[in-house]
Amino acid sequence: MKTDPSEERNGPVSIVTTHYVKPECMKEFEEEIGVVSRYFSCYPGYPGVNFFRPADPSDRYSGWF
């Protein structure tokens, strides 16, 4: 059993996000998702990015990468 947290630094990481986006900013937000995805895709083992558009523009985007 590992007891030193520093020994776990090379393991997989998942990030879950939630964003409330103003309807007039949705296009810009979706473009930024592409920028973030391209940035992280340079790292070995990158599994991709998934974002779910809200059915109602007043709701939130959910995503993970």
PDB file of N, CA and C in Angstrom:
ATOM      1  N   MET A   1       0.834  -1.184   0.000  1.00  0.00           N
ATOM      2  CA  MET A   1       0.000   0.000   0.000  1.00  0.00           C
ATOM      3  C   MET A   1       0.878   1.246   0.000  1.00  0.00           C
ATOM      4  N   LYS A   2       0.543   2.187  -0.854  1.00  0.00           N
ATOM      5  CA  LYS A   2       1.290   3.439  -0.920  1.00  0.00           C
ATOM      6  C   LYS A   2       0.769   4.393   0.148  1.00  0.00           C
ATOM      7  N   THR A   3       1.678   5.014   0.843  1.00  0.00           N
ATOM      8  CA  THR A   3       1.284   5.969   1.883  1.00  0.00           C
ATOM      9  C   THR A   3       1.702   7.389   1.553  1.00  0.00           C
ATOM     10  N   ASP A   4       2.610   7.535   0.605  1.00  0.00           N
ATOM     11  CA  ASP A   4       3.102   8.856   0.225  1.00  0.00           C
ATOM     12  C   ASP A   4       2.261   9.374  -0.950  1.00  0.00           C
ATOM     13  N   PRO A   5       1.482  10.456  -0.761  1.00  0.00           N
ATOM     14  CA  PRO A   5       0.640  10.970  -1.849  1.00  0.00           C
ATOM     15  C   PRO A   5       1.430  11.345  -3.096  1.00  0.00           C
ATOM     16  N   SER A   6       2.703  11.699  -2.962  1.00  0.00           N
ATOM     17  CA  SER A   6       3.495  12.079  -4.137  1.00  0.00           C
ATOM     18  C   SER A   6       3.701  10.909  -5.081  1.00  0.00           C
ATOM     19  N   GLU A   7       3.530   9.685  -4.609  1.00  0.00           N
ATOM     20  CA  GLU A   7       3.684   8.514  -5.460  1.00  0.00           C
ATOM     21  C   GLU A   7       2.516   8.369  -6.429  1.00  0.00           C
ATOM     22  N   GLU A   8       1.425   9.076  -6.225  1.00  0.00           N
ATOM     23  CA  GLU A   8       0.236   8.972  -7.056  1.00  0.00           C
ATOM     24  C   GLU A   8       0.174  10.047  -8.141  1.00  0.00           C
ATOM     25  N   ARG A   9       1.137  10.886  -8.256  1.00  0.00           N
ATOM     26  CA  ARG A   9       1.082  12.034  -9.166  1.00  0.00           C
ATOM     27  C   ARG A   9       1.010  11.673 -10.637  1.00  0.00           C
ATOM     28  N   ASN A  10       1.417  10.502 -11.028  1.00  0.00           N
ATOM     29  CA  ASN A  10       1.436  10.142 -12.430  1.00  0.00           C
ATOM     30  C   ASN A  10       0.201   9.364 -12.854  1.00  0.00           C
ATOM     31  N   GLY A  11      -0.787   9.226 -11.992  1.00  0.00           N
ATOM     32  CA  GLY A  11      -2.000   8.499 -12.321  1.00  0.00           C
ATOM     33  C   GLY A  11      -2.966   9.343 -13.134  1.00  0.00           C
ATOM     34  N   PRO A  12      -4.037   8.721 -13.609  1.00  0.00           N
ATOM     35  CA  PRO A  12      -5.030   9.460 -14.399  1.00  0.00           C
ATOM     36  C   PRO A  12      -5.772  10.497 -13.562  1.00  0.00           C
ATOM     37  N   VAL A  13      -6.228  11.530 -14.238  1.00  0.00           N
ATOM     38  CA  VAL A  13      -6.964  12.617 -13.596  1.00  0.00           C
ATOM     39  C   VAL A  13      -8.187  12.924 -14.453  1.00  0.00           C
ATOM     40  N   SER A  14      -9.317  13.128 -13.828  1.00  0.00           N
ATOM     41  CA  SER A  14     -10.523  13.583 -14.522  1.00  0.00           C
ATOM     42  C   SER A  14     -10.946  14.907 -13.899  1.00  0.00           C
ATOM     43  N   ILE A  15     -11.416  15.807 -14.743  1.00  0.00           N
ATOM     44  CA  ILE A  15     -11.887  17.096 -14.282  1.00  0.00           C
ATOM     45  C   ILE A  15     -13.331  17.238 -14.740  1.00  0.00           C
ATOM     46  N   VAL A  16     -14.221  17.516 -13.806  1.00  0.00           N
ATOM     47  CA  VAL A  16     -15.633  17.728 -14.112  1.00  0.00           C
ATOM     48  C   VAL A  16     -15.930  19.206 -13.913  1.00  0.00           C
ATOM     49  N   THR A  17     -16.609  19.796 -14.886  1.00  0.00           N
ATOM     50  CA  THR A  17     -16.900  21.225 -14.817  1.00  0.00           C
ATOM     51  C   THR A  17     -18.387  21.494 -15.048  1.00  0.00           C
ATOM     52  N   THR A  18     -18.846  22.581 -14.511  1.00  0.00           N
ATOM     53  CA  THR A  18     -20.199  23.079 -14.750  1.00  0.00           C
ATOM     54  C   THR A  18     -20.080  24.571 -15.018  1.00  0.00           C
ATOM     55  N   HIS A  19     -20.728  25.022 -16.082  1.00  0.00           N
ATOM     56  CA  HIS A  19     -20.645  26.434 -16.465  1.00  0.00           C
ATOM     57  C   HIS A  19     -22.030  26.975 -16.757  1.00  0.00           C
ATOM     58  N   TYR A  20     -22.325  28.115 -16.194  1.00  0.00           N
ATOM     59  CA  TYR A  20     -23.530  28.856 -16.554  1.00  0.00           C
ATOM     60  C   TYR A  20     -23.075  29.913 -17.552  1.00  0.00           C
ATOM     61  N   VAL A  21     -23.636  29.872 -18.757  1.00  0.00           N
ATOM     62  CA  VAL A  21     -23.207  30.766 -19.832  1.00  0.00           C
ATOM     63  C   VAL A  21     -24.405  31.602 -20.278  1.00  0.00           C
ATOM     64  N   LYS A  22     -24.181  32.892 -20.387  1.00  0.00           N
ATOM     65  CA  LYS A  22     -25.242  33.767 -20.885  1.00  0.00           C
ATOM     66  C   LYS A  22     -25.561  33.370 -22.328  1.00  0.00           C
ATOM     67  N   PRO A  23     -26.830  33.363 -22.699  1.00  0.00           N
ATOM     68  CA  PRO A  23     -27.195  32.953 -24.064  1.00  0.00           C
ATOM     69  C   PRO A  23     -26.420  33.696 -25.152  1.00  0.00           C
ATOM     70  N   GLU A  24     -26.142  34.973 -24.947  1.00  0.00           N
ATOM     71  CA  GLU A  24     -25.419  35.741 -25.969  1.00  0.00           C
ATOM     72  C   GLU A  24     -23.924  35.404 -26.016  1.00  0.00           C
ATOM     73  N   CYS A  25     -23.432  34.619 -25.058  1.00  0.00           N
ATOM     74  CA  CYS A  25     -22.013  34.242 -25.013  1.00  0.00           C
ATOM     75  C   CYS A  25     -21.776  32.776 -25.349  1.00  0.00           C
ATOM     76  N   MET A  26     -22.820  32.043 -25.734  1.00  0.00           N
ATOM     77  CA  MET A  26     -22.673  30.607 -25.963  1.00  0.00           C
ATOM     78  C   MET A  26     -21.689  30.283 -27.089  1.00  0.00           C
ATOM     79  N   LYS A  27     -21.747  31.021 -28.183  1.00  0.00           N
ATOM     80  CA  LYS A  27     -20.844  30.753 -29.306  1.00  0.00           C
ATOM     81  C   LYS A  27     -19.391  30.917 -28.869  1.00  0.00           C
ATOM     82  N   GLU A  28     -19.091  32.003 -28.196  1.00  0.00           N
ATOM     83  CA  GLU A  28     -17.727  32.253 -27.720  1.00  0.00           C
ATOM     84  C   GLU A  28     -17.281  31.170 -26.732  1.00  0.00           C
ATOM     85  N   PHE A  29     -18.180  30.758 -25.844  1.00  0.00           N
ATOM     86  CA  PHE A  29     -17.858  29.715 -24.884  1.00  0.00           C
ATOM     87  C   PHE A  29     -17.515  28.412 -25.605  1.00  0.00           C
ATOM     88  N   GLU A  30     -18.306  28.035 -26.602  1.00  0.00           N
ATOM     89  CA  GLU A  30     -18.049  26.799 -27.334  1.00  0.00           C
ATOM     90  C   GLU A  30     -16.731  26.864 -28.101  1.00  0.00           C
ATOM     91  N   GLU A  31     -16.371  28.032 -28.593  1.00  0.00           N
ATOM     92  CA  GLU A  31     -15.066  28.187 -29.244  1.00  0.00           C
ATOM     93  C   GLU A  31     -13.935  27.975 -28.236  1.00  0.00           C
ATOM     94  N   GLU A  32     -14.105  28.472 -27.022  1.00  0.00           N
ATOM     95  CA  GLU A  32     -13.091  28.293 -25.982  1.00  0.00           C
ATOM     96  C   GLU A  32     -12.950  26.827 -25.572  1.00  0.00           C
ATOM     97  N   ILE A  33     -14.043  26.081 -25.595  1.00  0.00           N
ATOM     98  CA  ILE A  33     -13.959  24.644 -25.324  1.00  0.00           C
ATOM     99  C   ILE A  33     -13.006  23.995 -26.324  1.00  0.00           C
ATOM    100  N   GLY A  34     -13.091  24.395 -27.584  1.00  0.00           N
ATOM    101  CA  GLY A  34     -12.182  23.873 -28.608  1.00  0.00           C
ATOM    102  C   GLY A  34     -10.733  24.226 -28.320  1.00  0.00           C
ATOM    103  N   VAL A  35     -10.486  25.443 -27.858  1.00  0.00           N
ATOM    104  CA  VAL A  35      -9.121  25.873 -27.515  1.00  0.00           C
ATOM    105  C   VAL A  35      -8.574  25.011 -26.377  1.00  0.00           C
ATOM    106  N   VAL A  36      -9.369  24.810 -25.342  1.00  0.00           N
ATOM    107  CA  VAL A  36      -8.940  24.002 -24.197  1.00  0.00           C
ATOM    108  C   VAL A  36      -8.682  22.559 -24.632  1.00  0.00           C
ATOM    109  N   SER A  37      -9.560  22.031 -25.454  1.00  0.00           N
ATOM    110  CA  SER A  37      -9.407  20.655 -25.922  1.00  0.00           C
ATOM    111  C   SER A  37      -8.104  20.483 -26.703  1.00  0.00           C
ATOM    112  N   ARG A  38      -7.805  21.407 -27.595  1.00  0.00           N
ATOM    113  CA  ARG A  38      -6.552  21.316 -28.368  1.00  0.00           C
ATOM    114  C   ARG A  38      -5.333  21.415 -27.453  1.00  0.00           C
ATOM    115  N   TYR A  39      -5.409  22.261 -26.436  1.00  0.00           N
ATOM    116  CA  TYR A  39      -4.291  22.404 -25.498  1.00  0.00           C
ATOM    117  C   TYR A  39      -4.024  21.087 -24.772  1.00  0.00           C
ATOM    118  N   PHE A  40      -5.067  20.503 -24.197  1.00  0.00           N
ATOM    119  CA  PHE A  40      -4.881  19.278 -23.426  1.00  0.00           C
ATOM    120  C   PHE A  40      -4.591  18.067 -24.301  1.00  0.00           C
ATOM    121  N   SER A  41      -4.968  18.105 -25.562  1.00  0.00           N
ATOM    122  CA  SER A  41      -4.741  16.953 -26.441  1.00  0.00           C
ATOM    123  C   SER A  41      -3.258  16.691 -26.682  1.00  0.00           C
ATOM    124  N   CYS A  42      -2.402  17.619 -26.325  1.00  0.00           N
ATOM    125  CA  CYS A  42      -0.960  17.444 -26.489  1.00  0.00           C
ATOM    126  C   CYS A  42      -0.364  16.513 -25.436  1.00  0.00           C
ATOM    127  N   TYR A  43      -1.107  16.228 -24.390  1.00  0.00           N
ATOM    128  CA  TYR A  43      -0.594  15.397 -23.305  1.00  0.00           C
ATOM    129  C   TYR A  43      -0.851  13.919 -23.580  1.00  0.00           C
ATOM    130  N   PRO A  44       0.134  13.070 -23.301  1.00  0.00           N
ATOM    131  CA  PRO A  44      -0.048  11.630 -23.521  1.00  0.00           C
ATOM    132  C   PRO A  44      -1.213  11.094 -22.683  1.00  0.00           C
ATOM    133  N   GLY A  45      -1.995  10.233 -23.280  1.00  0.00           N
ATOM    134  CA  GLY A  45      -3.098   9.609 -22.568  1.00  0.00           C
ATOM    135  C   GLY A  45      -4.358  10.441 -22.503  1.00  0.00           C
ATOM    136  N   TYR A  46      -4.365  11.588 -23.176  1.00  0.00           N
ATOM    137  CA  TYR A  46      -5.544  12.465 -23.149  1.00  0.00           C
ATOM    138  C   TYR A  46      -6.737  11.741 -23.771  1.00  0.00           C
ATOM    139  N   PRO A  47      -7.834  11.549 -23.013  1.00  0.00           N
ATOM    140  CA  PRO A  47      -8.971  10.791 -23.534  1.00  0.00           C
ATOM    141  C   PRO A  47      -9.988  11.629 -24.307  1.00  0.00           C
ATOM    142  N   GLY A  48      -9.847  12.936 -24.293  1.00  0.00           N
ATOM    143  CA  GLY A  48     -10.797  13.796 -24.990  1.00  0.00           C
ATOM    144  C   GLY A  48     -11.566  14.670 -24.018  1.00  0.00           C
ATOM    145  N   VAL A  49     -12.440  15.480 -24.589  1.00  0.00           N
ATOM    146  CA  VAL A  49     -13.268  16.376 -23.785  1.00  0.00           C
ATOM    147  C   VAL A  49     -14.718  16.160 -24.192  1.00  0.00           C
ATOM    148  N   ASN A  50     -15.596  16.178 -23.228  1.00  0.00           N
ATOM    149  CA  ASN A  50     -17.023  16.007 -23.485  1.00  0.00           C
ATOM    150  C   ASN A  50     -17.784  17.118 -22.791  1.00  0.00           C
ATOM    151  N   PHE A  51     -18.565  17.864 -23.560  1.00  0.00           N
ATOM    152  CA  PHE A  51     -19.428  18.890 -23.000  1.00  0.00           C
ATOM    153  C   PHE A  51     -20.843  18.633 -23.484  1.00  0.00           C
ATOM    154  N   PHE A  52     -21.784  18.877 -22.621  1.00  0.00           N
ATOM    155  CA  PHE A  52     -23.188  18.709 -22.956  1.00  0.00           C
ATOM    156  C   PHE A  52     -23.845  20.073 -22.998  1.00  0.00           C
ATOM    157  N   ARG A  53     -24.417  20.397 -24.157  1.00  0.00           N
ATOM    158  CA  ARG A  53     -25.129  21.662 -24.291  1.00  0.00           C
ATOM    159  C   ARG A  53     -26.431  21.583 -23.504  1.00  0.00           C
ATOM    160  N   PRO A  54     -26.799  22.667 -22.884  1.00  0.00           N
ATOM    161  CA  PRO A  54     -28.076  22.663 -22.168  1.00  0.00           C
ATOM    162  C   PRO A  54     -29.243  22.703 -23.161  1.00  0.00           C
ATOM    163  N   ALA A  55     -30.306  21.984 -22.857  1.00  0.00           N
ATOM    164  CA  ALA A  55     -31.504  22.036 -23.702  1.00  0.00           C
ATOM    165  C   ALA A  55     -32.142  23.423 -23.613  1.00  0.00           C
ATOM    166  N   ASP A  56     -32.056  24.004 -22.439  1.00  0.00           N
ATOM    167  CA  ASP A  56     -32.586  25.340 -22.192  1.00  0.00           C
ATOM    168  C   ASP A  56     -31.400  26.287 -22.049  1.00  0.00           C
ATOM    169  N   PRO A  57     -31.298  27.331 -22.875  1.00  0.00           N
ATOM    170  CA  PRO A  57     -30.150  28.244 -22.793  1.00  0.00           C
ATOM    171  C   PRO A  57     -29.925  28.864 -21.416  1.00  0.00           C
ATOM    172  N   SER A  58     -30.934  28.870 -20.556  1.00  0.00           N
ATOM    173  CA  SER A  58     -30.728  29.435 -19.227  1.00  0.00           C
ATOM    174  C   SER A  58     -30.128  28.411 -18.268  1.00  0.00           C
ATOM    175  N   ASP A  59     -29.949  27.181 -18.728  1.00  0.00           N
ATOM    176  CA  ASP A  59     -29.379  26.128 -17.895  1.00  0.00           C
ATOM    177  C   ASP A  59     -27.860  26.123 -18.035  1.00  0.00           C
ATOM    178  N   ARG A  60     -27.197  25.097 -17.559  1.00  0.00           N
ATOM    179  CA  ARG A  60     -25.732  25.067 -17.520  1.00  0.00           C
ATOM    180  C   ARG A  60     -25.157  24.044 -18.493  1.00  0.00           C
ATOM    181  N   TYR A  61     -23.914  24.291 -18.884  1.00  0.00           N
ATOM    182  CA  TYR A  61     -23.112  23.319 -19.612  1.00  0.00           C
ATOM    183  C   TYR A  61     -22.462  22.414 -18.592  1.00  0.00           C
ATOM    184  N   SER A  62     -22.356  21.148 -18.903  1.00  0.00           N
ATOM    185  CA  SER A  62     -21.622  20.219 -18.052  1.00  0.00           C
ATOM    186  C   SER A  62     -20.563  19.557 -18.919  1.00  0.00           C
ATOM    187  N   GLY A  63     -19.426  19.311 -18.341  1.00  0.00           N
ATOM    188  CA  GLY A  63     -18.380  18.691 -19.140  1.00  0.00           C
ATOM    189  C   GLY A  63     -17.328  18.031 -18.290  1.00  0.00           C
ATOM    190  N   TRP A  64     -16.545  17.199 -18.942  1.00  0.00           N
ATOM    191  CA  TRP A  64     -15.404  16.614 -18.278  1.00  0.00           C
ATOM    192  C   TRP A  64     -14.297  16.383 -19.284  1.00  0.00           C
ATOM    193  N   PHE A  65     -13.088  16.451 -18.784  1.00  0.00           N
ATOM    194  CA  PHE A  65     -11.894  16.173 -19.595  1.00  0.00           C
ATOM    195  C   PHE A  65     -10.818  15.658 -18.689  1.00  0.00           C
TER     196      PHE A  65
END
